[in-house]
Amino acid sequence: MLSPFTRSIAVGAVTAAALTGAAILAPDASAKVSEGRYRSTTVLFGSTTRSYVAVDGSTLTSYGPFGPQRFRIVATPGGGFVDAHGARYTLNRRAGGGYAGPVHLGPVVVGHTELRPTVH
């Protein structure tokens, strides 16, 4: 059991570390997926699908065989993620203006996704 003095030092250290980390990371949290048009390639459970997507602000619009579908992009320090159809699509910034990352169904990685900028 910790003495009150030791406990207060530990709490102070944890609080200082948390506040310092929050101050350092806060600007990076505003990173986002850049607006534009992309070619999307997603592999889920070994099956590949391709479509065109557009990013406008924090909205990703996917143009697939069932018409346009809109999803909210949550910004992260490295790009963002989209929760769609029970899965989380992670979009990490890559060289050349693209994004790629794993697709999770709960804690399990079930595939990967990639966005490549299109030339218009």
Protein backbone atom coordinates (compact mmCIF):
# COMPACT_ATOMS: atom_id res chain seq x y z
CA MET A 1 0.00 0.00 0.00
CA LEU A 2 1.30 3.43 -0.95
CA SER A 3 1.71 6.17 1.61
CA PRO A 4 -0.32 9.35 0.99
CA PHE A 5 2.87 11.20 0.02
CA THR A 6 3.96 8.54 -2.50
CA ARG A 7 0.44 8.32 -3.91
CA SER A 8 0.28 12.11 -4.44
CA ILE A 9 3.64 12.05 -6.26
CA ALA A 10 2.46 9.21 -8.50
CA VAL A 11 -0.84 10.97 -9.27
CA GLY A 12 1.03 14.20 -10.03
CA ALA A 13 3.45 12.43 -12.37
CA VAL A 14 0.65 10.68 -14.25
CA THR A 15 -1.34 13.92 -14.52
CA ALA A 16 1.69 15.86 -15.78
CA ALA A 17 2.47 13.17 -18.36
CA ALA A 18 -1.13 13.13 -19.55
CA LEU A 19 -1.33 16.91 -19.86
CA THR A 20 2.02 17.13 -21.63
CA GLY A 21 1.04 14.38 -24.05
CA ALA A 22 -2.29 16.03 -24.74
CA ALA A 23 -0.61 19.36 -25.43
CA ILE A 24 1.91 17.77 -27.78
CA LEU A 25 -0.61 15.61 -29.64
CA ALA A 26 -3.50 18.06 -29.88
CA PRO A 27 -2.34 19.81 -33.09
CA ASP A 28 -1.79 16.48 -34.86
CA ALA A 29 -5.32 15.34 -34.11
CA SER A 30 -6.57 17.91 -36.59
CA ALA A 31 -4.97 15.98 -39.48
CA LYS A 32 -7.50 14.64 -41.94
CA VAL A 33 -7.95 12.87 -45.25
CA SER A 34 -7.40 15.43 -48.00
CA GLU A 35 -10.36 16.46 -50.11
CA GLY A 36 -10.49 15.08 -53.62
CA ARG A 37 -11.38 12.08 -55.75
CA TYR A 38 -9.84 8.67 -55.21
CA ARG A 39 -9.86 5.16 -56.62
CA SER A 40 -10.66 2.74 -53.78
CA THR A 41 -9.45 -0.85 -53.63
CA THR A 42 -10.60 -2.96 -50.67
CA VAL A 43 -9.85 -6.60 -49.93
CA LEU A 44 -12.20 -8.22 -47.40
CA PHE A 45 -12.00 -11.91 -46.58
CA GLY A 46 -9.98 -12.40 -49.79
CA SER A 47 -12.52 -10.70 -52.06
CA THR A 48 -11.46 -7.51 -53.88
CA THR A 49 -13.80 -4.62 -54.60
CA ARG A 50 -12.99 -1.41 -56.46
CA SER A 51 -14.91 1.83 -56.66
CA TYR A 52 -14.51 5.57 -56.87
CA VAL A 53 -14.82 7.73 -53.79
CA ALA A 54 -14.88 11.46 -53.16
CA VAL A 55 -13.81 13.20 -49.96
CA ASP A 56 -15.47 16.51 -49.15
CA GLY A 57 -14.61 17.84 -45.69
CA SER A 58 -15.24 15.01 -43.25
CA THR A 59 -17.54 13.09 -45.62
CA LEU A 60 -16.45 10.18 -47.79
CA THR A 61 -18.87 9.36 -50.59
CA SER A 62 -18.49 5.92 -52.17
CA TYR A 63 -19.90 5.42 -55.68
CA GLY A 64 -20.67 1.72 -55.88
CA PRO A 65 -23.19 -0.52 -57.62
CA PHE A 66 -25.92 0.41 -55.12
CA GLY A 67 -25.59 4.15 -55.65
CA PRO A 68 -23.69 6.72 -53.62
CA GLN A 69 -23.17 6.01 -49.93
CA ARG A 70 -21.89 8.64 -47.50
CA PHE A 71 -19.74 7.98 -44.45
CA ARG A 72 -18.24 10.23 -41.78
CA ILE A 73 -14.43 10.40 -41.63
CA VAL A 74 -12.96 10.74 -38.14
CA ALA A 75 -9.62 12.57 -38.28
CA THR A 76 -6.56 10.94 -36.67
CA PRO A 77 -2.93 12.08 -36.46
CA GLY A 78 -2.07 9.94 -39.50
CA GLY A 79 -5.18 10.45 -41.64
CA GLY A 80 -8.54 9.11 -40.48
CA PHE A 81 -10.94 6.21 -40.24
CA VAL A 82 -14.45 5.38 -41.43
CA ASP A 83 -16.90 3.11 -39.63
CA ALA A 84 -19.10 1.41 -42.22
CA HIS A 85 -21.19 -1.74 -42.25
CA GLY A 86 -19.86 -2.86 -38.85
CA ALA A 87 -16.20 -2.54 -39.86
CA ARG A 88 -13.56 0.15 -39.29
CA TYR A 89 -11.59 1.24 -42.36
CA THR A 90 -8.32 2.90 -41.32
CA LEU A 91 -6.86 5.44 -43.75
CA ASN A 92 -3.19 6.15 -43.00
CA ARG A 93 -1.47 8.78 -45.14
CA ARG A 94 0.94 7.34 -47.75
CA ALA A 95 3.45 8.88 -50.13
CA GLY A 96 1.96 10.25 -53.34
CA GLY A 97 -1.21 11.59 -51.69
CA GLY A 98 -2.85 8.22 -51.11
CA TYR A 99 -4.10 6.43 -48.04
CA ALA A 100 -4.04 2.78 -46.97
CA GLY A 101 -4.67 0.70 -43.89
CA PRO A 102 -6.27 -2.33 -42.30
CA VAL A 103 -9.98 -3.09 -42.07
CA HIS A 104 -11.08 -4.30 -38.62
CA LEU A 105 -14.20 -6.19 -37.67
CA GLY A 106 -14.06 -5.74 -33.92
CA PRO A 107 -10.50 -6.60 -32.85
CA VAL A 108 -9.86 -8.81 -35.90
CA VAL A 109 -8.16 -7.59 -39.09
CA VAL A 110 -10.30 -8.88 -41.97
CA GLY A 111 -8.70 -7.05 -44.88
CA HIS A 112 -7.13 -3.83 -46.07
CA THR A 113 -8.14 -0.77 -48.03
CA GLU A 114 -6.35 1.72 -50.23
CA LEU A 115 -7.27 5.10 -51.69
CA ARG A 116 -5.26 6.42 -54.67
CA PRO A 117 -5.83 9.92 -56.01
CA THR A 118 -7.40 10.03 -59.46
CA VAL A 119 -6.27 12.35 -62.21
CA HIS A 120 -9.08 14.50 -63.56
